[in-house]
Amino acid sequence: MKYMYILYSNSTQKYYAGIADNVLKRLDEHNRGKGKYTSKGVPWQLVTTIECKSRSEAMALEKKIKKRGIKRYLQDNNKLQ
């Protein structure tokens, strides 16, 4: 299984969407500054995860959410904090 996940940074007030096999391990990596974009927003909080059957399904969902806007997607699906 692959997971599409959404993070939020209070320090930058931005959302981030990504794909991982192990979301908690990936969140830890983001919070340790591993990643060009996410290193600026430490600490990151996990907002939601969505289980996908394949990497291609997760990538298509990530693209769809980013195109719509992550915050708008969360609002539309009642997943905002």
N, C-alpha and C. Protein backbone atom coordinates (compact mmCIF):
# COMPACT_ATOMS: atom_id res chain seq x y z
N MET A 1 0.83 -1.19 0.00
CA MET A 1 0.00 0.00 0.00
C MET A 1 0.87 1.26 0.00
N LYS A 2 0.37 2.25 -0.65
CA LYS A 2 0.98 3.59 -0.63
C LYS A 2 0.01 4.53 0.05
N TYR A 3 0.55 5.57 0.64
CA TYR A 3 -0.27 6.56 1.32
C TYR A 3 0.03 7.95 0.77
N MET A 4 -1.01 8.70 0.50
CA MET A 4 -0.89 10.11 0.16
C MET A 4 -1.19 10.83 1.47
N TYR A 5 -0.32 11.73 1.87
CA TYR A 5 -0.50 12.39 3.16
C TYR A 5 -0.44 13.91 3.00
N ILE A 6 -1.02 14.59 3.96
CA ILE A 6 -1.00 16.05 3.99
C ILE A 6 -0.47 16.50 5.34
N LEU A 7 0.50 17.40 5.29
CA LEU A 7 1.10 17.97 6.50
C LEU A 7 0.77 19.46 6.57
N TYR A 8 0.90 20.01 7.79
CA TYR A 8 0.72 21.45 7.98
C TYR A 8 1.83 21.98 8.87
N SER A 9 2.34 23.16 8.52
CA SER A 9 3.37 23.82 9.30
C SER A 9 2.81 25.10 9.90
N ASN A 10 2.80 25.19 11.23
CA ASN A 10 2.37 26.44 11.88
C ASN A 10 3.34 27.58 11.61
N SER A 11 4.62 27.27 11.52
CA SER A 11 5.61 28.33 11.35
C SER A 11 5.50 29.02 9.99
N THR A 12 5.19 28.27 8.94
CA THR A 12 5.04 28.88 7.61
C THR A 12 3.58 29.03 7.21
N GLN A 13 2.68 28.41 7.96
CA GLN A 13 1.25 28.40 7.68
C GLN A 13 0.96 27.86 6.27
N LYS A 14 1.67 26.78 5.93
CA LYS A 14 1.52 26.15 4.62
C LYS A 14 1.25 24.66 4.78
N TYR A 15 0.62 24.13 3.74
CA TYR A 15 0.35 22.70 3.66
C TYR A 15 1.34 22.05 2.71
N TYR A 16 1.54 20.75 2.90
CA TYR A 16 2.42 19.98 2.04
C TYR A 16 1.77 18.62 1.81
N ALA A 17 1.76 18.16 0.57
CA ALA A 17 1.22 16.85 0.24
C ALA A 17 2.34 15.97 -0.30
N GLY A 18 2.35 14.71 0.10
CA GLY A 18 3.38 13.79 -0.36
C GLY A 18 2.88 12.36 -0.37
N ILE A 19 3.77 11.46 -0.76
CA ILE A 19 3.45 10.04 -0.87
C ILE A 19 4.51 9.25 -0.12
N ALA A 20 4.07 8.21 0.60
CA ALA A 20 5.03 7.38 1.35
C ALA A 20 4.45 6.00 1.61
N ASP A 21 5.36 5.05 1.88
CA ASP A 21 4.95 3.73 2.34
C ASP A 21 4.66 3.77 3.83
N ASN A 22 5.48 4.50 4.56
CA ASN A 22 5.38 4.62 6.01
C ASN A 22 5.28 6.10 6.35
N VAL A 23 4.08 6.57 6.61
CA VAL A 23 3.84 8.01 6.81
C VAL A 23 4.52 8.54 8.06
N LEU A 24 4.49 7.79 9.15
CA LEU A 24 5.12 8.28 10.38
C LEU A 24 6.63 8.41 10.24
N LYS A 25 7.25 7.46 9.54
CA LYS A 25 8.69 7.55 9.28
C LYS A 25 8.99 8.76 8.41
N ARG A 26 8.16 8.99 7.40
CA ARG A 26 8.37 10.13 6.49
C ARG A 26 8.15 11.45 7.23
N LEU A 27 7.15 11.52 8.11
CA LEU A 27 6.92 12.72 8.92
C LEU A 27 8.14 13.02 9.77
N ASP A 28 8.73 11.99 10.36
CA ASP A 28 9.94 12.16 11.16
C ASP A 28 11.07 12.73 10.31
N GLU A 29 11.21 12.23 9.09
CA GLU A 29 12.24 12.74 8.18
C GLU A 29 12.00 14.21 7.85
N HIS A 30 10.75 14.57 7.58
CA HIS A 30 10.42 15.98 7.32
C HIS A 30 10.80 16.84 8.52
N ASN A 31 10.47 16.36 9.71
CA ASN A 31 10.73 17.14 10.92
C ASN A 31 12.20 17.18 11.32
N ARG A 32 13.02 16.33 10.71
CA ARG A 32 14.47 16.39 10.93
C ARG A 32 15.15 17.21 9.85
N GLY A 33 14.35 17.86 8.98
CA GLY A 33 14.90 18.75 7.97
C GLY A 33 15.35 18.07 6.70
N LYS A 34 14.96 16.81 6.50
CA LYS A 34 15.35 16.11 5.27
C LYS A 34 14.33 16.43 4.19
N GLY A 35 14.69 17.30 3.32
CA GLY A 35 13.80 17.73 2.25
C GLY A 35 13.97 19.21 2.03
N LYS A 36 14.19 19.59 0.80
CA LYS A 36 14.47 20.99 0.48
C LYS A 36 13.31 21.91 0.89
N TYR A 37 12.10 21.56 0.49
CA TYR A 37 10.95 22.41 0.77
C TYR A 37 10.52 22.33 2.22
N THR A 38 10.43 21.12 2.75
CA THR A 38 9.88 20.96 4.09
C THR A 38 10.83 21.36 5.21
N SER A 39 12.10 21.49 4.93
CA SER A 39 13.05 21.88 5.98
C SER A 39 12.75 23.28 6.52
N LYS A 40 12.09 24.10 5.73
CA LYS A 40 11.77 25.47 6.15
C LYS A 40 10.55 25.53 7.08
N GLY A 41 9.76 24.45 7.16
CA GLY A 41 8.53 24.50 7.92
C GLY A 41 8.49 23.67 9.18
N VAL A 42 9.62 23.23 9.64
CA VAL A 42 9.68 22.38 10.83
C VAL A 42 9.14 23.13 12.04
N PRO A 43 8.31 22.53 12.87
CA PRO A 43 7.80 21.17 12.82
C PRO A 43 6.53 21.06 11.97
N TRP A 44 6.38 19.92 11.34
CA TRP A 44 5.19 19.61 10.54
C TRP A 44 4.25 18.75 11.36
N GLN A 45 2.94 18.95 11.14
CA GLN A 45 1.92 18.14 11.80
C GLN A 45 1.17 17.35 10.73
N LEU A 46 0.88 16.12 11.02
CA LEU A 46 0.12 15.28 10.10
C LEU A 46 -1.35 15.68 10.17
N VAL A 47 -1.93 16.03 9.02
CA VAL A 47 -3.33 16.43 8.94
C VAL A 47 -4.20 15.24 8.58
N THR A 48 -3.82 14.52 7.52
CA THR A 48 -4.61 13.37 7.08
C THR A 48 -3.77 12.44 6.22
N THR A 49 -4.19 11.20 6.15
CA THR A 49 -3.58 10.23 5.25
C THR A 49 -4.69 9.56 4.46
N ILE A 50 -4.38 9.20 3.23
CA ILE A 50 -5.34 8.51 2.37
C ILE A 50 -4.63 7.29 1.80
N GLU A 51 -5.21 6.13 2.06
CA GLU A 51 -4.63 4.88 1.59
C GLU A 51 -4.93 4.69 0.11
N CYS A 52 -3.92 4.32 -0.65
CA CYS A 52 -4.07 4.08 -2.09
C CYS A 52 -3.56 2.69 -2.42
N LYS A 53 -4.09 2.10 -3.48
CA LYS A 53 -3.73 0.74 -3.87
C LYS A 53 -2.36 0.66 -4.53
N SER A 54 -1.94 1.77 -5.17
CA SER A 54 -0.68 1.75 -5.90
C SER A 54 -0.04 3.13 -5.87
N ARG A 55 1.22 3.16 -6.25
CA ARG A 55 1.93 4.45 -6.33
C ARG A 55 1.28 5.35 -7.37
N SER A 56 0.88 4.78 -8.50
CA SER A 56 0.28 5.60 -9.55
C SER A 56 -1.05 6.21 -9.08
N GLU A 57 -1.82 5.45 -8.30
CA GLU A 57 -3.07 6.00 -7.75
C GLU A 57 -2.77 7.13 -6.77
N ALA A 58 -1.76 6.94 -5.93
CA ALA A 58 -1.38 7.96 -4.96
C ALA A 58 -0.88 9.22 -5.68
N MET A 59 -0.09 9.04 -6.74
CA MET A 59 0.43 10.18 -7.49
C MET A 59 -0.70 10.95 -8.18
N ALA A 60 -1.67 10.23 -8.73
CA ALA A 60 -2.80 10.89 -9.38
C ALA A 60 -3.61 11.69 -8.37
N LEU A 61 -3.82 11.13 -7.19
CA LEU A 61 -4.56 11.82 -6.14
C LEU A 61 -3.80 13.05 -5.66
N GLU A 62 -2.50 12.91 -5.46
CA GLU A 62 -1.67 14.04 -5.04
C GLU A 62 -1.74 15.17 -6.06
N LYS A 63 -1.64 14.84 -7.32
CA LYS A 63 -1.71 15.84 -8.38
C LYS A 63 -3.07 16.54 -8.39
N LYS A 64 -4.13 15.76 -8.24
CA LYS A 64 -5.48 16.32 -8.21
C LYS A 64 -5.66 17.28 -7.04
N ILE A 65 -5.18 16.88 -5.87
CA ILE A 65 -5.31 17.72 -4.67
C ILE A 65 -4.49 18.99 -4.81
N LYS A 66 -3.26 18.88 -5.30
CA LYS A 66 -2.41 20.06 -5.46
C LYS A 66 -2.99 21.02 -6.50
N LYS A 67 -3.58 20.47 -7.56
CA LYS A 67 -4.17 21.32 -8.60
C LYS A 67 -5.36 22.10 -8.03
N ARG A 68 -6.15 21.46 -7.22
CA ARG A 68 -7.32 22.09 -6.60
C ARG A 68 -6.89 23.07 -5.51
N GLY A 69 -5.80 22.75 -4.85
CA GLY A 69 -5.34 23.52 -3.69
C GLY A 69 -5.55 22.66 -2.46
N ILE A 70 -4.49 22.45 -1.70
CA ILE A 70 -4.57 21.55 -0.55
C ILE A 70 -5.58 22.05 0.48
N LYS A 71 -5.52 23.34 0.80
CA LYS A 71 -6.43 23.88 1.81
C LYS A 71 -7.87 23.77 1.33
N ARG A 72 -8.12 24.05 0.08
CA ARG A 72 -9.48 23.95 -0.47
C ARG A 72 -9.96 22.51 -0.43
N TYR A 73 -9.09 21.56 -0.77
CA TYR A 73 -9.44 20.15 -0.69
C TYR A 73 -9.84 19.78 0.74
N LEU A 74 -9.05 20.21 1.71
CA LEU A 74 -9.36 19.90 3.11
C LEU A 74 -10.68 20.53 3.54
N GLN A 75 -10.94 21.76 3.13
CA GLN A 75 -12.20 22.41 3.46
C GLN A 75 -13.37 21.66 2.84
N ASP A 76 -13.25 21.31 1.57
CA ASP A 76 -14.33 20.62 0.86
C ASP A 76 -14.64 19.26 1.46
N ASN A 77 -13.66 18.64 2.09
CA ASN A 77 -13.83 17.30 2.65
C ASN A 77 -13.88 17.29 4.19
N ASN A 78 -14.09 18.46 4.77
CA ASN A 78 -14.22 18.61 6.22
C ASN A 78 -13.08 17.98 6.99
N LYS A 79 -11.85 18.19 6.50
CA LYS A 79 -10.68 17.61 7.15
C LYS A 79 -9.75 18.67 7.74
N LEU A 80 -10.19 19.92 7.73
CA LEU A 80 -9.35 20.97 8.29
C LEU A 80 -9.29 20.85 9.80
N GLN A 81 -8.15 21.23 10.36
CA GLN A 81 -7.94 21.14 11.81
C GLN A 81 -8.84 22.12 12.53
